[in-house]
Amino acid sequence: MNDLSNPFFQNETQEADGIETGKRLIRLSNDQGISLAERVANQFYRLTWRTPLHSMRLRGKYPLKLLAVPEDKVAGEARAGKAIRAGYFLFRGQKLPVADVDFAAPMSAPLAEYLHGFRWLRDLATVATREQGASIAEGVLRRWLSAHAEKPSEPAWAPENAGWRLIFWAAYAPYILSSNDLIYRSLLLTCFARTARHLDRSADKAPVGLPRLVGWGGIVAAGLLLPGGGPRRAFAEAGLKRTLESTLYSDGGIISRSPTDLLRAIELLSMLNAAYDAVREEAPSWLTETLARTVAALLGITHGDGGLASWQGAGAVDAAQVEKIVQASSVRTRPLRQARDWGYQRIAAGATVLLVDAAPPPATRMAGAGCASTGAIELSDGPDRLIVSCGGADLAGAHIPDDLAQGLRTTAAHSTLILDERNSTAILPDGTLGRGVTEVELHRQELENGSRIEISHDGYVRRLGYMHRRLLLVSSDGKDIRGEDMLLPAQRRKKPATVPFVLRFHLAPHVDASLTADEQGALLRIDMAALWQFRCGTGKLSIEDSLWVDGEGRPHASKQLVVSAMAEPGGNSLGWLLKRVG
């Protein structure tokens, strides 16, 4: 489906509404990551969790019940729910027998969120009634309480996992609080209260971004749902508002620039809205206004199929998952076409959607799976993706080993220009981002006959002396896309040398490519759909193997168009064309 048929979009016209014309300079944050002093302080604080002092801080009144049960409007994964009923957790291709899971053992951050955050309760509830699922949920929870109820430790009590745990425990209370065992019920409610007190002190010490936001979300939920929570609610709302301001840009994007992080932030805010509804309280206006902005920003990076683009380590989350989250938010808005801070540009023309990464990578402390993708594009024709990024760097697991995940962060894993086989922003051996793109200059215009975007970045200036500039022209009907990639000698910088460069266009798995007789073009066939033609003005064109990672972390074999040429000290220009011919 294209933008105009998506029920969550209002009509998206080619008028210039919401488009800031003229040039704009986007600079990378000065954030150099967590300092040594901060790391030491955070480590020391985590060590205090084991002390009698922290145990004393967690003491207080223990609730006899929750005041309400919020409705989780997002349906879980039926396949994962059936697996739990069959006796094992199913997560990113891994099968973990429920009876054998060691909740005290180290585990990956995504798996820890699923298990310690009790997200799996949603999957179980999708395929089991309370009567069918309560015994399973209670059995798992008894084992978890045995391991973690008394002594906080990571990852179980990390703020992001503790925050999700409170929210999911509340939403699925009928599945975990139906027992007639009063000792078990008391232990669970006591742990709920202890977790809230733990978050009161630890949420602001969580990593900046989504983890800190989830920690404060858990405190808000506790303030609403525990008896006598008025003072905590006021404290929590102030903390959540402050954290939203530091986690989200004013245009609704998230500072990690990750689509899946933004999807999770929307999910969190929607579930908090449900908690307010459950206690018959009106959510603060700043929360609902923020939710509306985030949904618009998320829709701005969806393709014609309704699924998410694969930016900054995200896999291509499918349309069904996006639709569930957007529906749960109750927000109806159109896609954000120009995210000035979030950093993504969107052109929708006819059935064509062109998405552009027009900003530096995220700041160092945000860049766990940050990618050197500045200037890259993704393209779809109606429900069919044509040009993509490989994606999936943040989905390491059974199908994606760690070394492949690191490779998926490189510039070569995106549809853009790569100079001298180097990343536009360096990816260091420890996984952090090094030198590279610090400034992006953006110029966008909406014209009668289409749209024009010109972006340039300084990722190769310091190391190789070249500025990369990309010009994109999209016709008003979306059937003609012209591009030009220029390597320009940077003034007052290192003198450029003659070095090789390649231009890559990764193709979606269902796209079949074949070279034309003159080897300066390729025909791109989509099964039972459109035929596109690619042409390049200079350079050597070849077709090579590639891969594409879906939203579940599964890689799929695909192809890529590769145009090879040499950069000359005086500068280069390589023009190309994508045209719908059938």
Protein backbone atom coordinates (compact mmCIF):
# COMPACT_ATOMS: atom_id res chain seq x y z
CA MET A 1 0.00 0.00 0.00
CA ASN A 2 1.22 3.50 -0.63
CA ASP A 3 0.96 6.51 1.63
CA LEU A 4 -2.39 7.57 0.24
CA SER A 5 -4.06 4.24 1.04
CA ASN A 6 -2.66 3.81 4.54
CA PRO A 7 -5.50 4.42 7.02
CA PHE A 8 -3.10 5.97 9.53
CA PHE A 9 -2.01 8.68 7.11
CA GLN A 10 -3.93 11.73 6.16
CA ASN A 11 -3.53 12.73 2.52
CA GLU A 12 0.10 13.47 1.77
CA THR A 13 0.25 15.95 -1.09
CA GLN A 14 3.17 17.35 -3.02
CA GLU A 15 2.61 20.80 -1.62
CA ALA A 16 5.48 22.32 0.32
CA ASP A 17 3.72 22.23 3.68
CA GLY A 18 6.11 21.39 6.47
CA ILE A 19 9.16 21.68 4.22
CA GLU A 20 11.90 24.08 5.23
CA THR A 21 13.41 25.36 2.00
CA GLY A 22 16.93 26.69 1.70
CA LYS A 23 20.12 25.44 3.28
CA ARG A 24 20.41 23.97 6.74
CA LEU A 25 23.56 22.92 8.58
CA ILE A 26 23.23 19.89 10.85
CA ARG A 27 26.06 19.33 13.31
CA LEU A 28 26.93 16.27 15.34
CA SER A 29 26.50 16.66 19.08
CA ASN A 30 29.66 17.43 21.04
CA ASP A 31 28.89 14.45 23.28
CA GLN A 32 32.08 12.37 23.47
CA GLY A 33 30.46 9.52 25.35
CA ILE A 34 30.37 8.59 29.01
CA SER A 35 33.40 9.95 30.82
CA LEU A 36 35.66 7.81 33.00
CA ALA A 37 34.33 9.57 36.09
CA GLU A 38 30.74 8.81 35.08
CA ARG A 39 31.56 5.15 34.42
CA VAL A 40 33.25 4.80 37.79
CA ALA A 41 30.37 6.52 39.58
CA ASN A 42 27.77 4.35 37.83
CA GLN A 43 29.72 1.19 38.58
CA PHE A 44 30.05 2.19 42.23
CA TYR A 45 26.31 2.88 42.43
CA ARG A 46 25.51 -0.57 41.02
CA LEU A 47 27.81 -2.14 43.59
CA THR A 48 25.77 -0.46 46.35
CA TRP A 49 22.76 -2.53 45.27
CA ARG A 50 24.28 -5.43 47.18
CA THR A 51 24.70 -3.49 50.43
CA PRO A 52 22.37 -3.40 53.46
CA LEU A 53 22.01 0.35 52.85
CA HIS A 54 20.29 -0.19 49.50
CA SER A 55 18.11 -2.91 51.02
CA MET A 56 17.01 -0.40 53.65
CA ARG A 57 16.14 2.11 50.91
CA LEU A 58 13.77 -0.44 49.38
CA ARG A 59 11.79 -0.90 52.58
CA GLY A 60 8.41 0.73 53.07
CA LYS A 61 4.71 0.04 52.97
CA TYR A 62 3.75 -2.98 50.96
CA PRO A 63 0.57 -2.91 48.88
CA LEU A 64 -2.26 -5.39 49.22
CA LYS A 65 -3.40 -4.84 45.64
CA LEU A 66 -3.00 -2.74 42.50
CA LEU A 67 -5.55 0.02 42.02
CA ALA A 68 -6.31 -0.89 38.41
CA VAL A 69 -5.25 -3.05 35.46
CA PRO A 70 -4.23 -0.99 32.40
CA GLU A 71 -5.21 -2.35 29.01
CA ASP A 72 -2.37 -3.34 26.72
CA LYS A 73 -3.74 -2.52 23.28
CA VAL A 74 -0.85 -4.15 21.42
CA ALA A 75 -1.33 -7.78 20.50
CA GLY A 76 1.62 -10.09 21.06
CA GLU A 77 3.22 -12.56 18.67
CA ALA A 78 1.02 -15.64 18.39
CA ARG A 79 3.93 -17.86 17.34
CA ALA A 80 5.94 -16.88 20.42
CA GLY A 81 2.87 -17.33 22.63
CA LYS A 82 2.23 -20.83 21.32
CA ALA A 83 5.87 -21.66 21.96
CA ILE A 84 5.52 -20.63 25.61
CA ARG A 85 2.47 -22.86 25.98
CA ALA A 86 4.54 -25.65 24.43
CA GLY A 87 7.27 -25.15 27.02
CA TYR A 88 9.91 -22.84 25.54
CA PHE A 89 10.59 -19.17 24.91
CA LEU A 90 11.10 -18.28 21.25
CA PHE A 91 13.29 -15.23 20.74
CA ARG A 92 15.08 -14.20 17.54
CA GLY A 93 15.45 -17.78 16.38
CA GLN A 94 16.50 -19.09 19.79
CA LYS A 95 14.48 -21.77 21.56
CA LEU A 96 14.91 -21.58 25.32
CA PRO A 97 13.14 -24.29 27.36
CA VAL A 98 11.08 -22.48 29.98
CA ALA A 99 11.98 -25.00 32.67
CA ASP A 100 15.72 -24.59 32.03
CA VAL A 101 16.03 -20.80 31.88
CA ASP A 102 18.46 -19.59 34.51
CA PHE A 103 17.21 -16.13 35.48
CA ALA A 104 20.42 -15.47 37.42
CA ALA A 105 22.69 -16.10 34.42
CA PRO A 106 24.15 -13.35 32.19
CA MET A 107 22.27 -12.81 28.92
CA SER A 108 22.20 -10.40 25.99
CA ALA A 109 20.48 -7.06 26.50
CA PRO A 110 17.58 -7.82 24.09
CA LEU A 111 16.92 -11.22 25.67
CA ALA A 112 17.14 -9.67 29.15
CA GLU A 113 14.47 -7.14 28.21
CA TYR A 114 12.21 -9.90 26.91
CA LEU A 115 12.61 -12.14 29.97
CA HIS A 116 13.33 -9.77 32.87
CA GLY A 117 11.03 -7.10 31.43
CA PHE A 118 8.25 -9.73 31.16
CA ARG A 119 7.38 -8.72 27.60
CA TRP A 120 6.66 -12.39 26.99
CA LEU A 121 3.44 -12.03 29.02
CA ARG A 122 1.95 -10.20 26.04
CA ASP A 123 2.76 -13.11 23.72
CA LEU A 124 1.29 -15.64 26.14
CA ALA A 125 -1.90 -13.61 26.60
CA THR A 126 -2.39 -13.47 22.83
CA VAL A 127 -2.95 -17.23 22.63
CA ALA A 128 -4.15 -18.12 26.14
CA THR A 129 -7.05 -17.04 28.31
CA ARG A 130 -6.39 -16.16 31.93
CA GLU A 131 -7.43 -19.65 32.99
CA GLN A 132 -5.10 -21.22 30.40
CA GLY A 133 -2.13 -18.93 30.93
CA ALA A 134 -2.12 -18.12 34.66
CA SER A 135 -0.47 -21.35 35.77
CA ILE A 136 2.30 -20.95 33.16
CA ALA A 137 2.92 -17.29 34.01
CA GLU A 138 2.85 -17.95 37.74
CA GLY A 139 5.31 -20.83 37.42
CA VAL A 140 7.82 -18.64 35.58
CA LEU A 141 7.31 -15.75 37.97
CA ARG A 142 7.89 -17.92 41.06
CA ARG A 143 11.29 -18.90 39.65
CA TRP A 144 12.11 -15.30 38.80
CA LEU A 145 11.14 -14.12 42.30
CA SER A 146 13.27 -16.83 43.83
CA ALA A 147 16.28 -15.53 41.93
CA HIS A 148 15.74 -11.77 42.14
CA ALA A 149 13.06 -10.63 44.60
CA GLU A 150 15.44 -10.00 47.50
CA LYS A 151 18.73 -8.82 45.99
CA PRO A 152 18.82 -6.34 43.09
CA SER A 153 21.36 -7.15 40.39
CA GLU A 154 21.89 -6.61 36.69
CA PRO A 155 20.43 -7.21 34.23
CA ALA A 156 17.20 -8.03 36.07
CA TRP A 157 17.10 -4.75 37.98
CA ALA A 158 18.62 -2.50 35.32
CA PRO A 159 16.30 0.53 35.06
CA GLU A 160 15.07 -0.28 31.55
CA ASN A 161 14.18 -3.87 32.46
CA ALA A 162 12.70 -2.90 35.83
CA GLY A 163 10.59 -0.21 34.16
CA TRP A 164 9.16 -2.55 31.55
CA ARG A 165 8.59 -5.18 34.25
CA LEU A 166 6.35 -2.91 36.31
CA ILE A 167 4.37 -1.91 33.23
CA PHE A 168 3.86 -5.47 31.99
CA TRP A 169 3.16 -6.86 35.46
CA ALA A 170 0.40 -4.27 35.83
CA ALA A 171 -1.06 -4.87 32.36
CA TYR A 172 -1.15 -8.66 32.85
CA ALA A 173 -1.95 -8.75 36.56
CA PRO A 174 -4.83 -11.24 35.99
CA TYR A 175 -2.26 -13.75 34.69
CA ILE A 176 0.15 -13.39 37.60
CA LEU A 177 -2.07 -12.42 40.55
CA SER A 178 -4.86 -15.00 40.23
CA SER A 179 -3.31 -17.44 42.68
CA ASN A 180 -4.94 -18.29 46.01
CA ASP A 181 -1.45 -18.58 47.50
CA LEU A 182 -1.38 -15.48 49.70
CA ILE A 183 2.36 -15.79 50.37
CA TYR A 184 3.11 -15.74 46.64
CA ARG A 185 0.75 -12.79 46.04
CA SER A 186 2.30 -10.86 48.90
CA LEU A 187 5.82 -11.53 47.63
CA LEU A 188 4.90 -10.35 44.13
CA LEU A 189 3.21 -7.14 45.31
CA THR A 190 6.10 -6.49 47.68
CA CYS A 191 8.55 -6.89 44.79
CA PHE A 192 6.42 -4.48 42.74
CA ALA A 193 6.79 -1.84 45.47
CA ARG A 194 10.51 -2.54 45.99
CA THR A 195 11.12 -2.21 42.26
CA ALA A 196 9.36 1.16 42.25
CA ARG A 197 11.57 2.39 45.12
CA HIS A 198 14.63 1.08 43.30
CA LEU A 199 13.64 3.05 40.20
CA ASP A 200 13.03 6.18 42.27
CA ARG A 201 16.80 6.22 42.87
CA SER A 202 18.18 4.59 39.72
CA ALA A 203 16.13 5.85 36.76
CA ASP A 204 18.23 8.98 36.33
CA LYS A 205 21.39 6.87 36.40
CA ALA A 206 20.27 4.78 33.41
CA PRO A 207 21.96 5.42 30.04
CA VAL A 208 20.64 8.50 28.27
CA GLY A 209 17.91 7.72 25.77
CA LEU A 210 15.35 4.92 25.75
CA PRO A 211 16.69 3.10 28.89
CA ARG A 212 16.29 6.21 31.04
CA LEU A 213 12.89 6.94 29.50
CA VAL A 214 11.63 3.43 30.33
CA GLY A 215 12.94 3.75 33.89
CA TRP A 216 10.92 6.91 34.47
CA GLY A 217 7.92 5.32 32.74
CA GLY A 218 8.00 2.55 35.33
CA ILE A 219 7.93 5.11 38.15
CA VAL A 220 4.92 6.86 36.58
CA ALA A 221 3.09 3.52 36.33
CA ALA A 222 3.85 2.77 39.99
CA GLY A 223 2.69 6.22 41.05
CA LEU A 224 -0.62 5.68 39.30
CA LEU A 225 -1.28 2.06 40.24
CA LEU A 226 0.02 1.63 43.79
CA PRO A 227 -2.10 2.84 46.74
CA GLY A 228 -0.88 6.14 48.16
CA GLY A 229 1.08 6.94 45.02
CA GLY A 230 0.24 10.64 44.82
CA PRO A 231 3.68 11.98 45.88
CA ARG A 232 5.49 9.50 43.66
CA ARG A 233 3.26 10.42 40.73
CA ALA A 234 4.19 14.12 40.99
CA PHE A 235 7.88 13.21 41.29
CA ALA A 236 7.61 10.74 38.38
CA GLU A 237 5.80 13.07 36.01
CA ALA A 238 8.45 15.75 36.54
CA GLY A 239 11.19 13.20 35.87
CA LEU A 240 9.46 11.78 32.80
CA LYS A 241 8.90 15.22 31.31
CA ARG A 242 12.53 16.15 31.86
CA THR A 243 13.69 12.87 30.31
CA LEU A 244 11.43 13.26 27.28
CA GLU A 245 13.00 16.63 26.61
CA SER A 246 16.50 15.11 26.61
CA THR A 247 15.57 11.88 24.79
CA LEU A 248 13.39 13.18 21.95
CA TYR A 249 13.98 15.94 19.45
CA SER A 250 11.40 18.67 19.06
CA ASP A 251 10.28 17.05 15.78
CA GLY A 252 9.45 13.76 17.57
CA GLY A 253 12.54 11.76 16.63
CA ILE A 254 14.70 10.00 19.20
CA ILE A 255 18.32 10.97 19.80
CA SER A 256 19.66 7.46 19.03
CA ARG A 257 18.12 7.94 15.54
CA SER A 258 16.98 4.29 15.70
CA PRO A 259 13.52 3.50 14.28
CA THR A 260 13.06 0.60 16.71
CA ASP A 261 13.98 2.80 19.66
CA LEU A 262 11.33 5.30 18.56
CA LEU A 263 8.82 2.47 18.12
CA ARG A 264 9.51 1.36 21.70
CA ALA A 265 9.20 4.94 22.99
CA ILE A 266 5.76 5.21 21.36
CA GLU A 267 4.79 1.86 22.88
CA LEU A 268 5.87 3.09 26.32
CA LEU A 269 3.95 6.36 26.13
CA SER A 270 0.84 4.54 24.86
CA MET A 271 0.96 2.08 27.76
CA LEU A 272 1.33 4.98 30.20
CA ASN A 273 -1.72 6.61 28.62
CA ALA A 274 -3.56 3.34 29.27
CA ALA A 275 -2.48 3.49 32.93
CA TYR A 276 -3.98 6.97 33.27
CA ASP A 277 -7.18 5.71 31.65
CA ALA A 278 -7.30 2.74 34.03
CA VAL A 279 -7.36 5.00 37.11
CA ARG A 280 -9.69 7.47 35.37
CA GLU A 281 -7.14 10.26 35.33
CA GLU A 282 -6.32 12.52 32.41
CA ALA A 283 -2.78 12.18 31.07
CA PRO A 284 -0.70 15.38 31.11
CA SER A 285 -1.04 17.41 27.91
CA TRP A 286 2.72 17.33 27.33
CA LEU A 287 2.61 13.51 27.21
CA THR A 288 -0.16 13.33 24.61
CA GLU A 289 1.44 16.11 22.54
CA THR A 290 4.77 14.30 22.60
CA LEU A 291 3.09 11.07 21.55
CA ALA A 292 1.55 12.79 18.52
CA ARG A 293 4.95 14.11 17.41
CA THR A 294 6.65 10.75 17.81
CA VAL A 295 4.04 8.95 15.72
CA ALA A 296 4.43 11.48 12.89
CA ALA A 297 8.21 11.04 13.01
CA LEU A 298 7.88 7.24 12.95
CA LEU A 299 5.49 7.29 9.98
CA GLY A 300 7.98 9.53 8.21
CA ILE A 301 10.41 6.60 7.86
CA THR A 302 7.90 4.01 6.66
CA HIS A 303 7.97 2.62 3.16
CA GLY A 304 5.03 2.11 0.83
CA ASP A 305 4.47 -1.31 2.42
CA GLY A 306 3.92 0.37 5.80
CA GLY A 307 7.06 -1.14 7.35
CA LEU A 308 10.05 0.73 8.76
CA ALA A 309 13.25 1.61 6.95
CA SER A 310 16.48 0.01 8.17
CA TRP A 311 18.32 2.96 9.68
CA GLN A 312 20.90 2.98 12.51
CA GLY A 313 20.99 -0.74 13.17
CA ALA A 314 17.26 -1.40 12.95
CA GLY A 315 15.84 -4.30 11.01
CA ALA A 316 12.95 -3.74 8.62
CA VAL A 317 10.08 -3.96 11.11
CA ASP A 318 7.03 -5.09 9.17
CA ALA A 319 3.85 -3.14 8.63
CA ALA A 320 1.76 -5.29 10.98
CA GLN A 321 3.96 -4.43 13.96
CA VAL A 322 4.04 -0.73 13.10
CA GLU A 323 0.26 -0.75 12.64
CA LYS A 324 -0.28 -2.34 16.06
CA ILE A 325 1.83 0.27 17.83
CA VAL A 326 0.27 3.20 15.96
CA GLN A 327 -3.24 1.89 16.62
CA ALA A 328 -2.46 1.58 20.32
CA SER A 329 -1.31 5.21 20.43
CA SER A 330 -4.73 6.40 19.15
CA VAL A 331 -2.83 9.06 17.15
CA ARG A 332 -3.97 9.85 13.63
CA THR A 333 -1.49 11.95 11.72
CA ARG A 334 0.40 12.09 8.45
CA PRO A 335 4.10 11.21 8.04
CA LEU A 336 6.69 13.82 8.90
CA ARG A 337 8.26 14.67 5.56
CA GLN A 338 11.23 16.64 6.81
CA ALA A 339 12.68 15.79 10.21
CA ARG A 340 15.01 18.70 10.83
CA ASP A 341 16.65 17.23 13.95
CA TRP A 342 15.74 13.52 13.75
CA GLY A 343 17.60 13.72 10.45
CA TYR A 344 15.50 11.84 7.88
CA GLN A 345 14.02 13.24 4.67
CA ARG A 346 10.95 11.79 2.96
CA ILE A 347 9.71 12.31 -0.57
CA ALA A 348 6.41 10.67 -1.54
CA ALA A 349 5.50 11.06 -5.21
CA GLY A 350 2.83 8.90 -6.79
CA ALA A 351 3.49 5.35 -5.60
CA THR A 352 7.16 6.10 -4.91
CA VAL A 353 8.64 6.77 -1.46
CA LEU A 354 12.25 7.94 -1.21
CA LEU A 355 13.89 8.11 2.24
CA VAL A 356 17.22 9.78 2.91
CA ASP A 357 19.55 9.71 5.92
CA ALA A 358 20.50 13.39 5.97
CA ALA A 359 22.30 13.77 9.30
CA PRO A 360 25.45 12.64 11.12
CA PRO A 361 25.35 9.37 13.09
CA PRO A 362 24.06 9.58 16.66
CA ALA A 363 26.24 10.91 19.46
CA THR A 364 28.81 8.52 20.87
CA ARG A 365 26.86 7.46 23.96
CA MET A 366 23.83 6.73 21.73
CA ALA A 367 25.73 4.68 19.19
CA GLY A 368 25.60 1.09 20.43
CA ALA A 369 24.57 0.07 16.91
CA GLY A 370 25.13 3.45 15.24
CA CYS A 371 25.86 3.25 11.52
CA ALA A 372 28.07 5.21 9.11
CA SER A 373 25.13 5.77 6.77
CA THR A 374 25.06 9.54 6.16
CA GLY A 375 23.66 10.28 2.70
CA ALA A 376 22.21 6.79 2.15
CA ILE A 377 18.84 6.28 0.49
CA GLU A 378 16.03 3.74 0.55
CA LEU A 379 13.34 3.53 -2.14
CA SER A 380 10.02 1.75 -2.53
CA ASP A 381 7.42 1.50 -5.29
CA GLY A 382 4.00 1.00 -3.73
CA PRO A 383 4.18 -2.11 -1.51
CA ASP A 384 7.51 -3.19 -3.04
CA ARG A 385 10.90 -2.13 -1.71
CA LEU A 386 13.49 -1.50 -4.37
CA ILE A 387 16.61 0.12 -2.84
CA VAL A 388 17.35 -0.70 0.82
CA SER A 389 20.00 -0.71 3.54
CA CYS A 390 21.22 -4.08 4.79
CA GLY A 391 20.07 -3.16 8.33
CA GLY A 392 19.93 -5.35 11.42
CA ALA A 393 23.16 -4.38 13.21
CA ASP A 394 21.22 -4.17 16.47
CA LEU A 395 19.68 -7.63 16.04
CA ALA A 396 22.61 -9.89 16.83
CA GLY A 397 21.38 -13.32 17.86
CA ALA A 398 20.93 -16.80 16.54
CA HIS A 399 20.94 -15.66 12.89
CA ILE A 400 23.37 -12.73 13.06
CA PRO A 401 26.74 -13.29 14.77
CA ASP A 402 28.49 -10.35 16.39
CA ASP A 403 31.08 -9.91 13.63
CA LEU A 404 28.36 -9.73 10.97
CA ALA A 405 26.45 -7.23 13.13
CA GLN A 406 29.52 -4.99 13.13
CA GLY A 407 29.77 -5.30 9.34
CA LEU A 408 26.16 -4.20 8.99
CA ARG A 409 27.08 -0.86 10.58
CA THR A 410 29.53 0.08 7.82
CA THR A 411 28.99 2.56 5.01
CA ALA A 412 29.26 -0.33 2.53
CA ALA A 413 26.09 -1.85 4.05
CA HIS A 414 24.10 1.20 2.93
CA SER A 415 23.08 2.62 -0.44
CA THR A 416 25.54 5.45 -0.80
CA LEU A 417 29.11 6.29 -1.86
CA ILE A 418 32.14 4.71 -0.17
CA LEU A 419 35.55 6.32 -0.67
CA ASP A 420 38.77 4.28 -0.54
CA GLU A 421 36.91 1.43 1.20
CA ARG A 422 36.59 3.56 4.33
CA ASN A 423 33.53 4.31 6.42
CA SER A 424 32.25 7.88 6.28
CA THR A 425 32.39 7.72 10.10
CA ALA A 426 34.98 5.41 11.60
CA ILE A 427 33.76 2.38 13.55
CA LEU A 428 36.39 1.58 16.17
CA PRO A 429 37.38 -1.94 17.33
CA ASP A 430 35.49 -1.47 20.60
CA GLY A 431 32.29 -0.73 18.66
CA THR A 432 32.22 3.01 19.32
CA LEU A 433 32.15 5.62 16.57
CA GLY A 434 35.31 7.56 15.80
CA ARG A 435 36.09 10.45 13.50
CA GLY A 436 34.03 11.13 10.45
CA VAL A 437 30.86 13.06 9.75
CA THR A 438 30.44 16.08 12.01
CA GLU A 439 28.46 18.37 9.70
CA VAL A 440 25.80 17.83 7.06
CA GLU A 441 24.58 20.62 4.82
CA LEU A 442 21.04 20.10 3.57
CA HIS A 443 19.14 21.98 0.88
CA ARG A 444 15.61 20.88 -0.06
CA GLN A 445 13.16 22.39 -2.53
CA GLU A 446 9.64 21.45 -3.62
CA LEU A 447 9.18 22.34 -7.29
CA GLU A 448 6.27 22.12 -9.72
CA ASN A 449 7.83 19.17 -11.50
CA GLY A 450 9.06 17.35 -8.39
CA SER A 451 11.35 17.51 -5.37
CA ARG A 452 15.03 18.29 -5.03
CA ILE A 453 17.38 17.40 -2.16
CA GLU A 454 21.05 18.26 -1.99
CA ILE A 455 23.13 17.04 0.92
CA SER A 456 26.85 17.12 1.60
CA HIS A 457 28.92 15.76 4.47
CA ASP A 458 32.47 16.12 5.72
CA GLY A 459 33.09 12.48 6.63
CA TYR A 460 36.10 12.13 4.32
CA VAL A 461 37.50 15.64 4.64
CA ARG A 462 40.01 15.09 7.45
CA ARG A 463 41.26 11.74 6.26
CA LEU A 464 41.13 12.01 2.47
CA GLY A 465 40.48 15.67 1.65
CA TYR A 466 37.14 15.14 -0.14
CA MET A 467 33.65 16.45 0.55
CA HIS A 468 30.83 14.11 -0.56
CA ARG A 469 27.82 15.87 -2.07
CA ARG A 470 24.70 14.03 -3.25
CA LEU A 471 21.98 15.58 -5.41
CA LEU A 472 18.59 13.82 -5.70
CA LEU A 473 15.77 14.84 -8.06
CA VAL A 474 12.40 13.05 -7.91
CA SER A 475 9.75 13.73 -10.55
CA SER A 476 6.25 14.67 -9.44
CA ASP A 477 4.89 11.25 -10.49
CA GLY A 478 7.75 9.41 -8.76
CA LYS A 479 8.70 7.48 -11.89
CA ASP A 480 11.97 9.27 -12.56
CA ILE A 481 14.74 9.62 -9.96
CA ARG A 482 17.98 11.27 -10.93
CA GLY A 483 21.05 11.38 -8.75
CA GLU A 484 24.51 12.83 -8.87
CA ASP A 485 27.30 11.98 -6.45
CA MET A 486 30.16 14.45 -6.31
CA LEU A 487 33.54 14.26 -4.60
CA LEU A 488 34.84 17.79 -4.18
CA PRO A 489 38.26 18.82 -2.87
CA ALA A 490 37.81 20.44 0.53
CA GLN A 491 39.33 23.85 0.97
CA ARG A 492 42.17 24.34 3.45
CA ARG A 493 42.27 20.64 4.23
CA LYS A 494 44.43 17.66 3.33
CA LYS A 495 45.25 17.61 -0.38
CA PRO A 496 43.15 14.91 -2.07
CA ALA A 497 44.85 11.93 -3.67
CA THR A 498 43.72 9.62 -6.46
CA VAL A 499 41.78 6.88 -4.67
CA PRO A 500 39.04 4.42 -5.68
CA PHE A 501 35.40 4.85 -4.77
CA VAL A 502 32.25 2.81 -5.25
CA LEU A 503 28.59 3.67 -5.33
CA ARG A 504 26.35 0.95 -3.89
CA PHE A 505 22.63 0.37 -4.31
CA HIS A 506 21.47 -2.60 -2.20
CA LEU A 507 18.38 -4.26 -3.67
CA ALA A 508 15.48 -5.80 -1.78
CA PRO A 509 15.49 -9.64 -1.82
CA HIS A 510 12.60 -9.92 -4.28
CA VAL A 511 14.30 -7.68 -6.90
CA ASP A 512 15.97 -9.48 -9.80
CA ALA A 513 18.75 -7.50 -11.52
CA SER A 514 20.41 -8.05 -14.90
CA LEU A 515 22.99 -5.94 -16.73
CA THR A 516 22.18 -4.31 -20.05
CA ALA A 517 24.29 -5.11 -23.11
CA ASP A 518 26.45 -1.97 -22.75
CA GLU A 519 27.08 -2.71 -19.05
CA GLN A 520 26.19 0.85 -18.14
CA GLY A 521 22.73 -0.05 -16.94
CA ALA A 522 20.62 -2.71 -15.26
CA LEU A 523 17.02 -3.85 -15.40
CA LEU A 524 15.40 -4.30 -12.01
CA ARG A 525 12.43 -6.66 -12.04
CA ILE A 526 9.97 -6.99 -9.18
CA ASP A 527 7.87 -10.17 -9.30
CA MET A 528 4.37 -9.43 -10.62
CA ALA A 529 5.06 -5.71 -10.30
CA ALA A 530 7.02 -2.86 -11.81
CA LEU A 531 10.11 -2.86 -14.01
CA TRP A 532 12.76 -0.25 -13.24
CA GLN A 533 15.85 0.72 -15.18
CA PHE A 534 19.11 1.90 -13.67
CA ARG A 535 21.69 3.85 -15.70
CA CYS A 536 25.04 5.36 -14.72
CA GLY A 537 26.96 7.93 -16.72
CA THR A 538 30.49 6.79 -15.92
CA GLY A 539 32.28 4.11 -13.95
CA LYS A 540 32.08 0.32 -14.15
CA LEU A 541 28.76 -1.25 -13.20
CA SER A 542 28.53 -4.74 -11.70
CA ILE A 543 26.03 -6.82 -9.75
CA GLU A 544 27.24 -8.39 -6.51
CA ASP A 545 25.79 -10.40 -3.64
CA SER A 546 24.30 -8.65 -0.65
CA LEU A 547 21.91 -9.38 2.21
CA TRP A 548 18.93 -7.76 3.88
CA VAL A 549 17.83 -8.27 7.49
CA ASP A 550 14.13 -8.39 8.34
CA GLY A 551 12.55 -7.13 11.55
CA GLU A 552 13.03 -10.49 13.29
CA GLY A 553 16.79 -10.49 12.73
CA ARG A 554 16.74 -13.00 9.87
CA PRO A 555 19.12 -12.30 6.94
CA HIS A 556 17.88 -12.78 3.38
CA ALA A 557 20.10 -13.15 0.32
CA SER A 558 19.88 -10.25 -2.12
CA LYS A 559 21.88 -8.38 -4.77
CA GLN A 560 23.45 -4.96 -5.06
CA LEU A 561 24.41 -2.64 -7.91
CA VAL A 562 28.02 -1.49 -7.59
CA VAL A 563 29.47 1.36 -9.65
CA SER A 564 33.29 1.57 -9.38
CA ALA A 565 35.40 4.57 -10.35
CA MET A 566 38.45 6.62 -9.32
CA ALA A 567 38.39 9.89 -7.41
CA GLU A 568 40.67 12.54 -8.90
CA PRO A 569 42.27 15.40 -6.90
CA GLY A 570 40.36 17.95 -8.97
CA GLY A 571 37.00 16.41 -8.08
CA ASN A 572 34.55 13.93 -9.58
CA SER A 573 30.92 13.72 -10.56
CA LEU A 574 29.00 10.50 -11.18
CA GLY A 575 25.42 10.78 -12.41
CA TRP A 576 22.83 8.02 -12.28
CA LEU A 577 19.18 7.42 -13.10
CA LEU A 578 16.41 5.19 -11.78
CA LYS A 579 13.38 5.12 -14.07
CA ARG A 580 10.14 3.17 -13.89
CA VAL A 581 9.66 1.67 -17.36
CA GLY A 582 6.88 -0.82 -16.84
